[in-house]
Every structure is written in structure tokens, then in C-alpha cells.
Amino acid sequence: MHLKNLKAEAKATFLRYRDEILDEVLRVQDLMRILMKGTHARWTEEELAAMKKHLTRLAKRIPALSILLLPGGLVLLPILVEVLDRRKRKRSVPAGKQGSPE
């Protein structure tokens, strides 16, 4: 399987389970903060270890996350961050709808 296909499949899976994953990630203290740090800085070894520990726990509840625990699976972590990034959803409001009184 090509890397592009793997990324596309992982993204589709994460999108399919986005709400459940987001609910679980928000329940784990500091995990969302650590994940979002990856959008603007590199993760430290300690942060990667903490994420792996948390994701192992979460993978038991949401099997779609188990792909991140496979050897080399952390390469897909930026895709998970992209899917969970709530800031992008806020920006996607149509231009005519922003700030309009209801």
C-alpha cells in the first residue's frame, strides 16, 4: 500500500470517528494541548511518550486510533491533529454569515 493511500484511509477513518475521538481526547487532561502544539512546534520526546500512553488508552475505547500505535504510526499523528483542529471548522463559516445578527 502506498503512503498516499494510507494517509487518505487514515484521514477518512479519523473523520468518520472525529466526534468520538474529540470527546475522548478532551477528557484526557493536557492531551489536546499537546496534540495542538504539533501545529506550530515540534513535540519533545516526553510529549511523544505522553501522547503514546494516552493514545494507547484511547485506542481501547476507539479502535480506529490503534493505527497510531503500530510501528511508524506516529507519522499519521499530524493527520489526526488536522482532523481534530477545531479552529479550522470555525474559519469555514461562509463569508455572508459572519457577524450577522439573528
C-alpha atoms as a PDB file:
ATOM      1  CA  MET A   1       0.000   0.000   0.000  1.00  0.00           C
ATOM      2  CA  HIS A   2       1.333   3.413  -0.930  1.00  0.00           C
ATOM      3  CA  LEU A   3       1.863   6.087   1.696  1.00  0.00           C
ATOM      4  CA  LYS A   4      -0.672   8.405  -0.009  1.00  0.00           C
ATOM      5  CA  ASN A   5      -3.320   5.681   0.184  1.00  0.00           C
ATOM      6  CA  LEU A   6      -2.510   5.041   3.840  1.00  0.00           C
ATOM      7  CA  LYS A   7      -2.784   8.751   4.659  1.00  0.00           C
ATOM      8  CA  ALA A   8      -6.088   9.043   2.791  1.00  0.00           C
ATOM      9  CA  GLU A   9      -7.515   5.987   4.539  1.00  0.00           C
ATOM     10  CA  ALA A  10      -6.332   7.199   7.961  1.00  0.00           C
ATOM     11  CA  LYS A  11      -7.838  10.642   7.373  1.00  0.00           C
ATOM     12  CA  ALA A  12     -11.155   9.138   6.228  1.00  0.00           C
ATOM     13  CA  THR A  13     -11.231   6.923   9.326  1.00  0.00           C
ATOM     14  CA  PHE A  14     -10.387   9.789  11.670  1.00  0.00           C
ATOM     15  CA  LEU A  15     -13.066  11.945  10.033  1.00  0.00           C
ATOM     16  CA  ARG A  16     -15.620   9.169  10.415  1.00  0.00           C
ATOM     17  CA  TYR A  17     -14.913   8.945  14.159  1.00  0.00           C
ATOM     18  CA  ARG A  18     -13.988  12.617  14.723  1.00  0.00           C
ATOM     19  CA  ASP A  19     -16.710  13.390  17.271  1.00  0.00           C
ATOM     20  CA  GLU A  20     -15.995  10.299  19.385  1.00  0.00           C
ATOM     21  CA  ILE A  21     -12.236  10.869  19.194  1.00  0.00           C
ATOM     22  CA  LEU A  22     -12.631  14.544  20.094  1.00  0.00           C
ATOM     23  CA  ASP A  23     -14.848  13.707  23.083  1.00  0.00           C
ATOM     24  CA  GLU A  24     -12.294  11.212  24.389  1.00  0.00           C
ATOM     25  CA  VAL A  25      -9.281  13.449  23.716  1.00  0.00           C
ATOM     26  CA  LEU A  26     -10.922  16.345  25.570  1.00  0.00           C
ATOM     27  CA  ARG A  27     -11.470  14.096  28.598  1.00  0.00           C
ATOM     28  CA  VAL A  28      -7.749  13.380  28.885  1.00  0.00           C
ATOM     29  CA  GLN A  29      -6.116  16.312  30.621  1.00  0.00           C
ATOM     30  CA  ASP A  30      -3.470  18.081  28.506  1.00  0.00           C
ATOM     31  CA  LEU A  31      -3.724  15.706  25.526  1.00  0.00           C
ATOM     32  CA  MET A  32      -5.450  18.270  23.295  1.00  0.00           C
ATOM     33  CA  ARG A  33      -2.883  20.909  24.266  1.00  0.00           C
ATOM     34  CA  ILE A  34      -0.033  18.560  23.385  1.00  0.00           C
ATOM     35  CA  LEU A  35      -1.670  17.499  20.115  1.00  0.00           C
ATOM     36  CA  MET A  36      -2.284  21.089  19.020  1.00  0.00           C
ATOM     37  CA  LYS A  37       1.293  22.057  19.862  1.00  0.00           C
ATOM     38  CA  GLY A  38       2.223  19.996  16.807  1.00  0.00           C
ATOM     39  CA  THR A  39       0.583  22.593  14.556  1.00  0.00           C
ATOM     40  CA  HIS A  40       3.256  25.179  15.369  1.00  0.00           C
ATOM     41  CA  ALA A  41       6.196  23.410  17.044  1.00  0.00           C
ATOM     42  CA  ARG A  42       7.884  20.052  17.304  1.00  0.00           C
ATOM     43  CA  TRP A  43       6.903  17.652  20.050  1.00  0.00           C
ATOM     44  CA  THR A  44       9.538  16.740  22.629  1.00  0.00           C
ATOM     45  CA  GLU A  45      10.369  13.120  23.426  1.00  0.00           C
ATOM     46  CA  GLU A  46       8.443  13.458  26.698  1.00  0.00           C
ATOM     47  CA  GLU A  47       5.355  14.776  24.879  1.00  0.00           C
ATOM     48  CA  LEU A  48       5.520  11.951  22.342  1.00  0.00           C
ATOM     49  CA  ALA A  49       5.753   9.420  25.177  1.00  0.00           C
ATOM     50  CA  ALA A  50       2.781  11.022  26.959  1.00  0.00           C
ATOM     51  CA  MET A  51       0.743  11.030  23.733  1.00  0.00           C
ATOM     52  CA  LYS A  52       1.549   7.392  23.093  1.00  0.00           C
ATOM     53  CA  LYS A  53       0.439   6.492  26.623  1.00  0.00           C
ATOM     54  CA  HIS A  54      -2.819   8.430  26.259  1.00  0.00           C
ATOM     55  CA  LEU A  55      -3.473   7.136  22.746  1.00  0.00           C
ATOM     56  CA  THR A  56      -2.928   3.565  23.922  1.00  0.00           C
ATOM     57  CA  ARG A  57      -5.664   4.090  26.481  1.00  0.00           C
ATOM     58  CA  LEU A  58      -7.920   5.779  23.946  1.00  0.00           C
ATOM     59  CA  ALA A  59      -7.343   3.045  21.360  1.00  0.00           C
ATOM     60  CA  LYS A  60      -9.003   0.596  23.719  1.00  0.00           C
ATOM     61  CA  ARG A  61     -12.178   2.708  23.519  1.00  0.00           C
ATOM     62  CA  ILE A  62     -11.887   3.764  19.872  1.00  0.00           C
ATOM     63  CA  PRO A  63     -10.169   1.067  17.785  1.00  0.00           C
ATOM     64  CA  ALA A  64      -9.647   3.500  14.883  1.00  0.00           C
ATOM     65  CA  LEU A  65      -6.842   5.070  16.928  1.00  0.00           C
ATOM     66  CA  SER A  66      -4.914   1.804  17.120  1.00  0.00           C
ATOM     67  CA  ILE A  67      -3.323   2.623  13.741  1.00  0.00           C
ATOM     68  CA  LEU A  68      -1.260   5.256  15.574  1.00  0.00           C
ATOM     69  CA  LEU A  69       0.207   2.574  17.838  1.00  0.00           C
ATOM     70  CA  LEU A  70       1.596   0.451  15.008  1.00  0.00           C
ATOM     71  CA  PRO A  71       5.294   0.789  14.203  1.00  0.00           C
ATOM     72  CA  GLY A  72       5.643   4.091  12.363  1.00  0.00           C
ATOM     73  CA  GLY A  73       2.037   5.012  13.170  1.00  0.00           C
ATOM     74  CA  LEU A  74       3.000   8.312  14.753  1.00  0.00           C
ATOM     75  CA  VAL A  75       3.752   9.517  11.222  1.00  0.00           C
ATOM     76  CA  LEU A  76      -0.037   9.770  10.897  1.00  0.00           C
ATOM     77  CA  LEU A  77      -0.347  11.922  14.023  1.00  0.00           C
ATOM     78  CA  PRO A  78      -0.387  15.221  12.053  1.00  0.00           C
ATOM     79  CA  ILE A  79      -3.427  13.910  10.156  1.00  0.00           C
ATOM     80  CA  LEU A  80      -5.233  13.296  13.446  1.00  0.00           C
ATOM     81  CA  VAL A  81      -4.303  16.813  14.584  1.00  0.00           C
ATOM     82  CA  GLU A  82      -5.668  18.251  11.320  1.00  0.00           C
ATOM     83  CA  VAL A  83      -8.945  16.382  11.759  1.00  0.00           C
ATOM     84  CA  LEU A  84      -9.343  17.439  15.392  1.00  0.00           C
ATOM     85  CA  ASP A  85      -8.306  21.074  14.882  1.00  0.00           C
ATOM     86  CA  ARG A  86     -11.493  22.944  15.775  1.00  0.00           C
ATOM     87  CA  ARG A  87     -10.062  26.271  14.644  1.00  0.00           C
ATOM     88  CA  LYS A  88     -10.371  25.205  11.015  1.00  0.00           C
ATOM     89  CA  ARG A  89     -14.066  24.483  11.430  1.00  0.00           C
ATOM     90  CA  LYS A  90     -14.641  27.959  12.875  1.00  0.00           C
ATOM     91  CA  ARG A  91     -12.883  29.564   9.891  1.00  0.00           C
ATOM     92  CA  SER A  92     -15.028  27.698   7.400  1.00  0.00           C
ATOM     93  CA  VAL A  93     -18.133  29.804   8.147  1.00  0.00           C
ATOM     94  CA  PRO A  94     -19.484  31.266   4.869  1.00  0.00           C
ATOM     95  CA  ALA A  95     -18.493  34.923   4.345  1.00  0.00           C
ATOM     96  CA  GLY A  96     -22.058  36.268   4.418  1.00  0.00           C
ATOM     97  CA  LYS A  97     -22.826  34.543   7.744  1.00  0.00           C
ATOM     98  CA  GLN A  98     -20.055  36.034   9.905  1.00  0.00           C
ATOM     99  CA  GLY A  99     -21.208  38.576  12.442  1.00  0.00           C
ATOM    100  CA  SER A 100     -24.731  38.826  11.078  1.00  0.00           C
ATOM    101  CA  PRO A 101     -27.413  39.490  13.727  1.00  0.00           C
ATOM    102  CA  GLU A 102     -30.080  36.844  14.124  1.00  0.00           C
END
